[in-house]
PDB file of N, CA and C in Angstrom:
ATOM      1  N   MET A   1       1.001  -1.088   0.359  1.00  0.00           N
ATOM      2  CA  MET A   1      -0.070   0.087   0.026  1.00  0.00           C
ATOM      3  C   MET A   1       0.544   0.925  -0.062  1.00  0.00           C
ATOM      4  N   LYS A   2       1.495   1.281   0.317  1.00  0.00           N
ATOM      5  CA  LYS A   2       3.070   1.868   0.688  1.00  0.00           C
ATOM      6  C   LYS A   2       3.837   3.221  -0.360  1.00  0.00           C
ATOM      7  N   LEU A   3       3.829   1.800  -1.253  1.00  0.00           N
ATOM      8  CA  LEU A   3       4.653   2.087  -2.906  1.00  0.00           C
ATOM      9  C   LEU A   3       3.063   2.663  -3.804  1.00  0.00           C
ATOM     10  N   VAL A   4       1.872   1.737  -3.285  1.00  0.00           N
ATOM     11  CA  VAL A   4       0.934   2.885  -3.901  1.00  0.00           C
ATOM     12  C   VAL A   4       0.468   4.160  -4.258  1.00  0.00           C
ATOM     13  N   THR A   5       1.065   4.825  -2.896  1.00  0.00           N
ATOM     14  CA  THR A   5       1.199   5.891  -2.327  1.00  0.00           C
ATOM     15  C   THR A   5       1.566   7.101  -2.866  1.00  0.00           C
ATOM     16  N   VAL A   6       3.204   6.603  -2.385  1.00  0.00           N
ATOM     17  CA  VAL A   6       4.595   6.649  -3.397  1.00  0.00           C
ATOM     18  C   VAL A   6       4.704   7.334  -4.224  1.00  0.00           C
ATOM     19  N   LEU A   7       3.474   6.130  -5.430  1.00  0.00           N
ATOM     20  CA  LEU A   7       3.696   6.330  -6.473  1.00  0.00           C
ATOM     21  C   LEU A   7       2.758   7.500  -7.548  1.00  0.00           C
ATOM     22  N   THR A   8       1.245   7.322  -6.121  1.00  0.00           N
ATOM     23  CA  THR A   8       1.070   8.719  -7.169  1.00  0.00           C
ATOM     24  C   THR A   8       1.089   9.590  -6.355  1.00  0.00           C
ATOM     25  N   ALA A   9       1.047  10.021  -5.650  1.00  0.00           N
ATOM     26  CA  ALA A   9       2.571  11.465  -5.038  1.00  0.00           C
ATOM     27  C   ALA A   9       3.106  11.854  -5.357  1.00  0.00           C
ATOM     28  N   SER A  10       4.452  10.965  -6.579  1.00  0.00           N
ATOM     29  CA  SER A  10       5.566  11.009  -7.499  1.00  0.00           C
ATOM     30  C   SER A  10       4.483  11.202  -8.663  1.00  0.00           C
ATOM     31  N   VAL A  11       3.284  10.754  -9.062  1.00  0.00           N
ATOM     32  CA  VAL A  11       2.781  10.739 -10.216  1.00  0.00           C
ATOM     33  C   VAL A  11       1.911  12.299 -10.116  1.00  0.00           C
ATOM     34  N   PHE A  12       1.557  12.802  -9.264  1.00  0.00           N
ATOM     35  CA  PHE A  12       0.609  13.876  -8.656  1.00  0.00           C
ATOM     36  C   PHE A  12       1.797  15.626  -8.532  1.00  0.00           C
ATOM     37  N   LEU A  13       3.178  15.257  -8.232  1.00  0.00           N
ATOM     38  CA  LEU A  13       4.067  15.462  -8.418  1.00  0.00           C
ATOM     39  C   LEU A  13       4.814  16.136  -9.511  1.00  0.00           C
ATOM     40  N   ALA A  14       4.912  14.920 -10.423  1.00  0.00           N
ATOM     41  CA  ALA A  14       6.013  15.351 -11.413  1.00  0.00           C
ATOM     42  C   ALA A  14       4.724  16.138 -12.339  1.00  0.00           C
ATOM     43  N   ALA A  15       5.769  16.995 -13.147  1.00  0.00           N
ATOM     44  CA  ALA A  15       5.655  18.532 -14.496  1.00  0.00           C
ATOM     45  C   ALA A  15       6.462  17.908 -15.344  1.00  0.00           C
ATOM     46  N   CYS A  16       5.390  18.969 -16.614  1.00  0.00           N
ATOM     47  CA  CYS A  16       5.581  18.189 -17.869  1.00  0.00           C
ATOM     48  C   CYS A  16       6.068  19.661 -18.206  1.00  0.00           C
ATOM     49  N   THR A  17       6.899  20.971 -18.063  1.00  0.00           N
ATOM     50  CA  THR A  17       7.291  22.105 -18.439  1.00  0.00           C
ATOM     51  C   THR A  17       7.673  21.937 -20.154  1.00  0.00           C
ATOM     52  N   SER A  18       7.339  23.269 -21.213  1.00  0.00           N
ATOM     53  CA  SER A  18       7.431  23.435 -22.024  1.00  0.00           C
ATOM     54  C   SER A  18       7.773  25.010 -22.428  1.00  0.00           C
ATOM     55  N   VAL A  19       8.621  25.463 -22.858  1.00  0.00           N
ATOM     56  CA  VAL A  19       8.640  26.831 -23.051  1.00  0.00           C
ATOM     57  C   VAL A  19       8.442  27.034 -24.637  1.00  0.00           C
ATOM     58  N   SER A  20       8.024  27.941 -25.333  1.00  0.00           N
ATOM     59  CA  SER A  20       7.325  28.069 -26.347  1.00  0.00           C
ATOM     60  C   SER A  20       9.130  28.634 -27.593  1.00  0.00           C
ATOM     61  N   GLU A  21       9.251  28.924 -28.606  1.00  0.00           N
ATOM     62  CA  GLU A  21       9.932  29.640 -29.008  1.00  0.00           C
ATOM     63  C   GLU A  21       9.171  30.991 -29.193  1.00  0.00           C
ATOM     64  N   VAL A  22      10.377  32.065 -29.212  1.00  0.00           N
ATOM     65  CA  VAL A  22      10.232  33.395 -28.728  1.00  0.00           C
ATOM     66  C   VAL A  22       9.172  33.676 -30.377  1.00  0.00           C
ATOM     67  N   ALA A  23       8.225  34.677 -30.034  1.00  0.00           N
ATOM     68  CA  ALA A  23       7.289  35.023 -31.531  1.00  0.00           C
ATOM     69  C   ALA A  23       7.373  35.953 -31.560  1.00  0.00           C
ATOM     70  N   PRO A  24       7.337  36.788 -32.344  1.00  0.00           N
ATOM     71  CA  PRO A  24       7.153  38.486 -32.833  1.00  0.00           C
ATOM     72  C   PRO A  24       5.661  38.692 -32.392  1.00  0.00           C
ATOM     73  N   ALA A  25       5.665  39.898 -32.027  1.00  0.00           N
ATOM     74  CA  ALA A  25       4.190  40.693 -31.354  1.00  0.00           C
ATOM     75  C   ALA A  25       3.972  41.688 -31.473  1.00  0.00           C
ATOM     76  N   GLY A  26       4.225  42.319 -32.395  1.00  0.00           N
ATOM     77  CA  GLY A  26       4.280  43.557 -33.145  1.00  0.00           C
ATOM     78  C   GLY A  26       5.039  44.783 -32.064  1.00  0.00           C
ATOM     79  N   ASP A  27       4.934  46.152 -32.568  1.00  0.00           N
ATOM     80  CA  ASP A  27       5.951  47.328 -32.012  1.00  0.00           C
ATOM     81  C   ASP A  27       7.357  47.190 -31.223  1.00  0.00           C
ATOM     82  N   ALA A  28       7.690  46.424 -32.075  1.00  0.00           N
ATOM     83  CA  ALA A  28       9.537  45.419 -31.511  1.00  0.00           C
ATOM     84  C   ALA A  28       9.703  44.837 -30.285  1.00  0.00           C
ATOM     85  N   ASN A  29       8.719  44.004 -30.073  1.00  0.00           N
ATOM     86  CA  ASN A  29       8.322  43.296 -28.662  1.00  0.00           C
ATOM     87  C   ASN A  29       7.920  41.853 -29.355  1.00  0.00           C
ATOM     88  N   TYR A  30       8.212  41.399 -28.410  1.00  0.00           N
ATOM     89  CA  TYR A  30       8.331  39.500 -28.788  1.00  0.00           C
ATOM     90  C   TYR A  30       7.427  38.822 -27.302  1.00  0.00           C
ATOM     91  N   THR A  31       7.007  37.349 -27.612  1.00  0.00           N
ATOM     92  CA  THR A  31       6.348  36.626 -26.678  1.00  0.00           C
ATOM     93  C   THR A  31       6.676  35.542 -26.826  1.00  0.00           C
ATOM     94  N   VAL A  32       7.242  35.243 -25.624  1.00  0.00           N
ATOM     95  CA  VAL A  32       7.513  33.577 -25.128  1.00  0.00           C
ATOM     96  C   VAL A  32       6.594  33.194 -24.266  1.00  0.00           C
ATOM     97  N   THR A  33       5.828  31.994 -23.916  1.00  0.00           N
ATOM     98  CA  THR A  33       5.195  30.667 -23.274  1.00  0.00           C
ATOM     99  C   THR A  33       5.650  30.189 -22.749  1.00  0.00           C
ATOM    100  N   THR A  34       5.484  29.778 -20.805  1.00  0.00           N
ATOM    101  CA  THR A  34       6.341  28.699 -20.594  1.00  0.00           C
ATOM    102  C   THR A  34       4.536  28.217 -19.936  1.00  0.00           C
ATOM    103  N   GLN A  35       4.784  26.700 -19.938  1.00  0.00           N
ATOM    104  CA  GLN A  35       3.402  26.169 -19.605  1.00  0.00           C
ATOM    105  C   GLN A  35       4.337  24.622 -19.269  1.00  0.00           C
ATOM    106  N   ILE A  36       3.577  25.032 -17.740  1.00  0.00           N
ATOM    107  CA  ILE A  36       4.123  23.252 -17.372  1.00  0.00           C
ATOM    108  C   ILE A  36       1.952  22.318 -16.472  1.00  0.00           C
ATOM    109  N   ARG A  37       2.662  21.771 -16.813  1.00  0.00           N
ATOM    110  CA  ARG A  37       1.221  20.109 -16.723  1.00  0.00           C
ATOM    111  C   ARG A  37       1.879  19.330 -15.966  1.00  0.00           C
ATOM    112  N   GLY A  38       0.459  19.242 -14.426  1.00  0.00           N
ATOM    113  CA  GLY A  38       1.040  18.782 -13.558  1.00  0.00           C
ATOM    114  C   GLY A  38       1.546  19.524 -12.861  1.00  0.00           C
ATOM    115  N   GLY A  39       1.570  18.860 -11.961  1.00  0.00           N
ATOM    116  CA  GLY A  39       3.176  19.319 -10.315  1.00  0.00           C
ATOM    117  C   GLY A  39       2.232  20.514  -9.347  1.00  0.00           C
ATOM    118  N   MET A  40       3.229  20.955  -8.703  1.00  0.00           N
ATOM    119  CA  MET A  40       2.752  22.005  -7.881  1.00  0.00           C
ATOM    120  C   MET A  40       4.180  23.147  -7.782  1.00  0.00           C
ATOM    121  N   THR A  41       4.222  22.736  -9.178  1.00  0.00           N
ATOM    122  CA  THR A  41       5.599  24.110  -9.524  1.00  0.00           C
ATOM    123  C   THR A  41       5.279  25.777  -9.479  1.00  0.00           C
ATOM    124  N   PRO A  42       6.298  25.966  -8.627  1.00  0.00           N
ATOM    125  CA  PRO A  42       5.642  27.654  -8.320  1.00  0.00           C
ATOM    126  C   PRO A  42       6.024  28.736  -9.005  1.00  0.00           C
ATOM    127  N   TRP A  43       5.574  29.469  -8.703  1.00  0.00           N
ATOM    128  CA  TRP A  43       4.450  30.381 -10.291  1.00  0.00           C
ATOM    129  C   TRP A  43       6.138  31.394 -10.546  1.00  0.00           C
ATOM    130  N   GLY A  44       6.910  31.259  -9.604  1.00  0.00           N
ATOM    131  CA  GLY A  44       8.673  32.311  -9.588  1.00  0.00           C
ATOM    132  C   GLY A  44       9.088  31.408 -10.524  1.00  0.00           C
ATOM    133  N   GLU A  45       8.997  30.096 -10.636  1.00  0.00           N
ATOM    134  CA  GLU A  45      10.007  29.257 -11.208  1.00  0.00           C
ATOM    135  C   GLU A  45       9.587  29.522 -12.635  1.00  0.00           C
ATOM    136  N   ILE A  46       7.999  29.062 -13.020  1.00  0.00           N
ATOM    137  CA  ILE A  46       7.497  29.027 -13.945  1.00  0.00           C
ATOM    138  C   ILE A  46       8.355  30.826 -15.236  1.00  0.00           C
ATOM    139  N   LYS A  47       7.403  31.975 -14.399  1.00  0.00           N
ATOM    140  CA  LYS A  47       8.073  33.007 -14.988  1.00  0.00           C
ATOM    141  C   LYS A  47       9.877  33.219 -15.127  1.00  0.00           C
ATOM    142  N   ALA A  48      10.394  32.535 -14.268  1.00  0.00           N
ATOM    143  CA  ALA A  48      12.024  32.219 -14.479  1.00  0.00           C
ATOM    144  C   ALA A  48      11.915  32.396 -15.061  1.00  0.00           C
ATOM    145  N   SER A  49      11.376  30.584 -16.533  1.00  0.00           N
ATOM    146  CA  SER A  49      11.526  30.105 -16.957  1.00  0.00           C
ATOM    147  C   SER A  49      11.354  30.944 -19.182  1.00  0.00           C
ATOM    148  N   SER A  50      10.866  31.524 -18.947  1.00  0.00           N
ATOM    149  CA  SER A  50      10.021  32.061 -19.955  1.00  0.00           C
ATOM    150  C   SER A  50      11.432  33.710 -19.663  1.00  0.00           C
ATOM    151  N   LEU A  51      11.591  34.104 -18.281  1.00  0.00           N
ATOM    152  CA  LEU A  51      12.469  34.949 -18.680  1.00  0.00           C
ATOM    153  C   LEU A  51      13.756  34.808 -18.535  1.00  0.00           C
ATOM    154  N   LYS A  52      14.631  33.621 -19.063  1.00  0.00           N
ATOM    155  CA  LYS A  52      15.869  33.192 -18.651  1.00  0.00           C
ATOM    156  C   LYS A  52      15.253  32.908 -20.953  1.00  0.00           C
ATOM    157  N   ARG A  53      14.545  32.211 -21.016  1.00  0.00           N
ATOM    158  CA  ARG A  53      14.136  32.232 -22.524  1.00  0.00           C
ATOM    159  C   ARG A  53      14.865  33.518 -22.951  1.00  0.00           C
ATOM    160  N   ALA A  54      13.919  34.224 -22.646  1.00  0.00           N
ATOM    161  CA  ALA A  54      13.435  35.712 -23.231  1.00  0.00           C
ATOM    162  C   ALA A  54      14.867  36.783 -23.482  1.00  0.00           C
ATOM    163  N   ASP A  55      15.750  36.913 -22.173  1.00  0.00           N
ATOM    164  CA  ASP A  55      17.210  37.312 -22.164  1.00  0.00           C
ATOM    165  C   ASP A  55      18.222  36.298 -22.919  1.00  0.00           C
ATOM    166  N   GLU A  56      18.265  34.625 -23.192  1.00  0.00           N
ATOM    167  CA  GLU A  56      19.340  34.329 -23.663  1.00  0.00           C
ATOM    168  C   GLU A  56      18.564  35.304 -25.806  1.00  0.00           C
ATOM    169  N   TYR A  57      17.771  35.255 -25.857  1.00  0.00           N
ATOM    170  CA  TYR A  57      17.102  35.490 -27.604  1.00  0.00           C
ATOM    171  C   TYR A  57      17.739  36.677 -27.578  1.00  0.00           C
ATOM    172  N   CYS A  58      17.862  38.239 -26.678  1.00  0.00           N
ATOM    173  CA  CYS A  58      18.269  39.031 -26.457  1.00  0.00           C
ATOM    174  C   CYS A  58      20.011  39.040 -26.705  1.00  0.00           C
ATOM    175  N   ARG A  59      20.305  38.640 -26.033  1.00  0.00           N
ATOM    176  CA  ARG A  59      21.356  38.517 -25.605  1.00  0.00           C
ATOM    177  C   ARG A  59      22.685  38.059 -27.091  1.00  0.00           C
ATOM    178  N   GLN A  60      21.662  37.021 -27.988  1.00  0.00           N
ATOM    179  CA  GLN A  60      22.203  36.513 -28.971  1.00  0.00           C
ATOM    180  C   GLN A  60      22.361  37.736 -30.171  1.00  0.00           C
ATOM    181  N   GLN A  61      21.051  38.562 -29.716  1.00  0.00           N
ATOM    182  CA  GLN A  61      21.449  39.930 -30.462  1.00  0.00           C
ATOM    183  C   GLN A  61      22.479  41.216 -30.157  1.00  0.00           C
ATOM    184  N   GLY A  62      23.036  40.964 -28.836  1.00  0.00           N
ATOM    185  CA  GLY A  62      24.001  41.287 -28.086  1.00  0.00           C
ATOM    186  C   GLY A  62      23.587  42.639 -27.727  1.00  0.00           C
ATOM    187  N   LYS A  63      22.120  42.174 -27.180  1.00  0.00           N
ATOM    188  CA  LYS A  63      20.881  43.764 -26.233  1.00  0.00           C
ATOM    189  C   LYS A  63      20.449  42.608 -25.175  1.00  0.00           C
ATOM    190  N   ARG A  64      20.042  43.380 -24.384  1.00  0.00           N
ATOM    191  CA  ARG A  64      19.191  43.425 -22.939  1.00  0.00           C
ATOM    192  C   ARG A  64      17.912  43.405 -23.750  1.00  0.00           C
ATOM    193  N   MET A  65      17.274  42.223 -21.930  1.00  0.00           N
ATOM    194  CA  MET A  65      16.159  42.600 -22.410  1.00  0.00           C
ATOM    195  C   MET A  65      15.504  43.010 -21.569  1.00  0.00           C
ATOM    196  N   HIS A  66      13.936  43.485 -22.012  1.00  0.00           N
ATOM    197  CA  HIS A  66      12.962  44.426 -21.487  1.00  0.00           C
ATOM    198  C   HIS A  66      11.664  43.952 -21.375  1.00  0.00           C
ATOM    199  N   GLN A  67      11.031  43.978 -19.997  1.00  0.00           N
ATOM    200  CA  GLN A  67       9.761  43.318 -19.634  1.00  0.00           C
ATOM    201  C   GLN A  67       9.388  44.668 -19.791  1.00  0.00           C
ATOM    202  N   VAL A  68       7.699  43.988 -20.478  1.00  0.00           N
ATOM    203  CA  VAL A  68       7.035  44.169 -20.859  1.00  0.00           C
ATOM    204  C   VAL A  68       6.099  44.604 -20.322  1.00  0.00           C
ATOM    205  N   ASP A  69       5.460  42.870 -20.272  1.00  0.00           N
ATOM    206  CA  ASP A  69       4.196  42.245 -19.215  1.00  0.00           C
ATOM    207  C   ASP A  69       4.489  41.131 -19.139  1.00  0.00           C
ATOM    208  N   MET A  70       4.060  40.403 -18.588  1.00  0.00           N
ATOM    209  CA  MET A  70       4.427  39.149 -18.040  1.00  0.00           C
ATOM    210  C   MET A  70       2.557  38.941 -17.432  1.00  0.00           C
ATOM    211  N   GLN A  71       2.149  37.239 -18.393  1.00  0.00           N
ATOM    212  CA  GLN A  71       0.105  37.426 -18.362  1.00  0.00           C
ATOM    213  C   GLN A  71       0.606  35.910 -17.211  1.00  0.00           C
ATOM    214  N   THR A  72       0.603  35.353 -16.156  1.00  0.00           N
ATOM    215  CA  THR A  72      -0.182  33.971 -15.908  1.00  0.00           C
ATOM    216  C   THR A  72      -1.458  33.580 -15.742  1.00  0.00           C
ATOM    217  N   HIS A  73      -1.835  32.264 -16.187  1.00  0.00           N
ATOM    218  CA  HIS A  73      -3.035  31.057 -16.185  1.00  0.00           C
ATOM    219  C   HIS A  73      -3.057  30.808 -15.747  1.00  0.00           C
ATOM    220  N   GLY A  74      -3.996  29.799 -14.921  1.00  0.00           N
ATOM    221  CA  GLY A  74      -4.325  28.681 -14.720  1.00  0.00           C
ATOM    222  C   GLY A  74      -3.921  28.400 -13.308  1.00  0.00           C
ATOM    223  N   VAL A  75      -4.253  27.236 -12.672  1.00  0.00           N
ATOM    224  CA  VAL A  75      -4.213  26.658 -10.522  1.00  0.00           C
ATOM    225  C   VAL A  75      -3.359  25.725 -11.174  1.00  0.00           C
ATOM    226  N   ARG A  76      -2.651  26.203  -9.474  1.00  0.00           N
ATOM    227  CA  ARG A  76      -1.310  25.164  -9.759  1.00  0.00           C
ATOM    228  C   ARG A  76      -2.479  24.153  -8.970  1.00  0.00           C
ATOM    229  N   GLY A  77      -1.769  22.535  -9.691  1.00  0.00           N
ATOM    230  CA  GLY A  77      -1.993  21.633  -8.749  1.00  0.00           C
ATOM    231  C   GLY A  77      -3.797  20.929 -10.361  1.00  0.00           C
ATOM    232  N   TRP A  78      -4.090  22.101 -10.694  1.00  0.00           N
ATOM    233  CA  TRP A  78      -5.564  22.277 -10.491  1.00  0.00           C
ATOM    234  C   TRP A  78      -5.719  21.865 -12.261  1.00  0.00           C
ATOM    235  N   THR A  79      -5.284  22.963 -12.811  1.00  0.00           N
ATOM    236  CA  THR A  79      -4.443  23.134 -14.250  1.00  0.00           C
ATOM    237  C   THR A  79      -3.527  23.205 -14.316  1.00  0.00           C
ATOM    238  N   PRO A  80      -2.884  23.338 -16.300  1.00  0.00           N
ATOM    239  CA  PRO A  80      -2.148  23.817 -17.011  1.00  0.00           C
ATOM    240  C   PRO A  80      -1.686  25.020 -16.513  1.00  0.00           C
ATOM    241  N   GLN A  81      -0.190  25.309 -16.164  1.00  0.00           N
ATOM    242  CA  GLN A  81      -0.342  26.842 -15.752  1.00  0.00           C
ATOM    243  C   GLN A  81       0.364  27.638 -16.958  1.00  0.00           C
ATOM    244  N   ASP A  82       0.478  28.892 -17.625  1.00  0.00           N
ATOM    245  CA  ASP A  82       1.202  29.355 -18.336  1.00  0.00           C
ATOM    246  C   ASP A  82       1.341  30.790 -17.905  1.00  0.00           C
ATOM    247  N   ALA A  83       2.958  30.804 -17.793  1.00  0.00           N
ATOM    248  CA  ALA A  83       3.557  32.622 -17.996  1.00  0.00           C
ATOM    249  C   ALA A  83       3.815  32.947 -19.166  1.00  0.00           C
ATOM    250  N   GLU A  84       2.980  34.464 -19.597  1.00  0.00           N
ATOM    251  CA  GLU A  84       3.210  34.822 -21.395  1.00  0.00           C
ATOM    252  C   GLU A  84       3.866  35.687 -20.564  1.00  0.00           C
ATOM    253  N   LEU A  85       5.119  35.916 -21.866  1.00  0.00           N
ATOM    254  CA  LEU A  85       6.339  36.827 -20.995  1.00  0.00           C
ATOM    255  C   LEU A  85       5.810  37.714 -22.757  1.00  0.00           C
ATOM    256  N   THR A  86       5.724  39.390 -22.308  1.00  0.00           N
ATOM    257  CA  THR A  86       5.912  40.418 -23.731  1.00  0.00           C
ATOM    258  C   THR A  86       7.320  41.122 -23.663  1.00  0.00           C
ATOM    259  N   PHE A  87       7.876  40.998 -23.981  1.00  0.00           N
ATOM    260  CA  PHE A  87       9.594  41.652 -24.216  1.00  0.00           C
ATOM    261  C   PHE A  87      10.237  42.260 -24.928  1.00  0.00           C
ATOM    262  N   SER A  88      11.283  43.490 -24.900  1.00  0.00           N
ATOM    263  CA  SER A  88      11.926  43.223 -25.939  1.00  0.00           C
ATOM    264  C   SER A  88      12.889  43.681 -25.876  1.00  0.00           C
ATOM    265  N   CYS A  89      13.564  43.881 -26.830  1.00  0.00           N
ATOM    266  CA  CYS A  89      15.415  43.519 -26.590  1.00  0.00           C
ATOM    267  C   CYS A  89      15.716  44.755 -27.347  1.00  0.00           C
ATOM    268  N   VAL A  90      16.138  45.998 -26.318  1.00  0.00           N
ATOM    269  CA  VAL A  90      17.442  46.990 -25.777  1.00  0.00           C
ATOM    270  C   VAL A  90      18.324  46.722 -26.181  1.00  0.00           C
ATOM    271  N   ALA A  91      19.205  48.416 -26.622  1.00  0.00           N
ATOM    272  CA  ALA A  91      20.762  48.571 -26.981  1.00  0.00           C
ATOM    273  C   ALA A  91      21.152  48.209 -25.433  1.00  0.00           C
ATOM    274  N   SER A  92      21.879  47.711 -25.371  1.00  0.00           N
ATOM    275  CA  SER A  92      23.144  47.800 -24.279  1.00  0.00           C
ATOM    276  C   SER A  92      23.354  48.598 -23.453  1.00  0.00           C
TER     277      SER A  92
END
């Protein structure tokens, strides 16, 4: 019985993370979205994944990332969690 409980808890806590490609959003802005399915991932970690991807994108251009907006959707542990970042790349 303990094994079943441990396995069930492991499945519940496991999460599948995906980070989208950077996409143009108009007005020299871009978007990137991190989605977590399952698990109990803190919002800070989800947002950090989007911020990291945006920062990498801008650094490849020799610029720095400027956050324009961040939207979050979902309920931790119940529905998929999304963090959608809108950003621009500005001269360093």
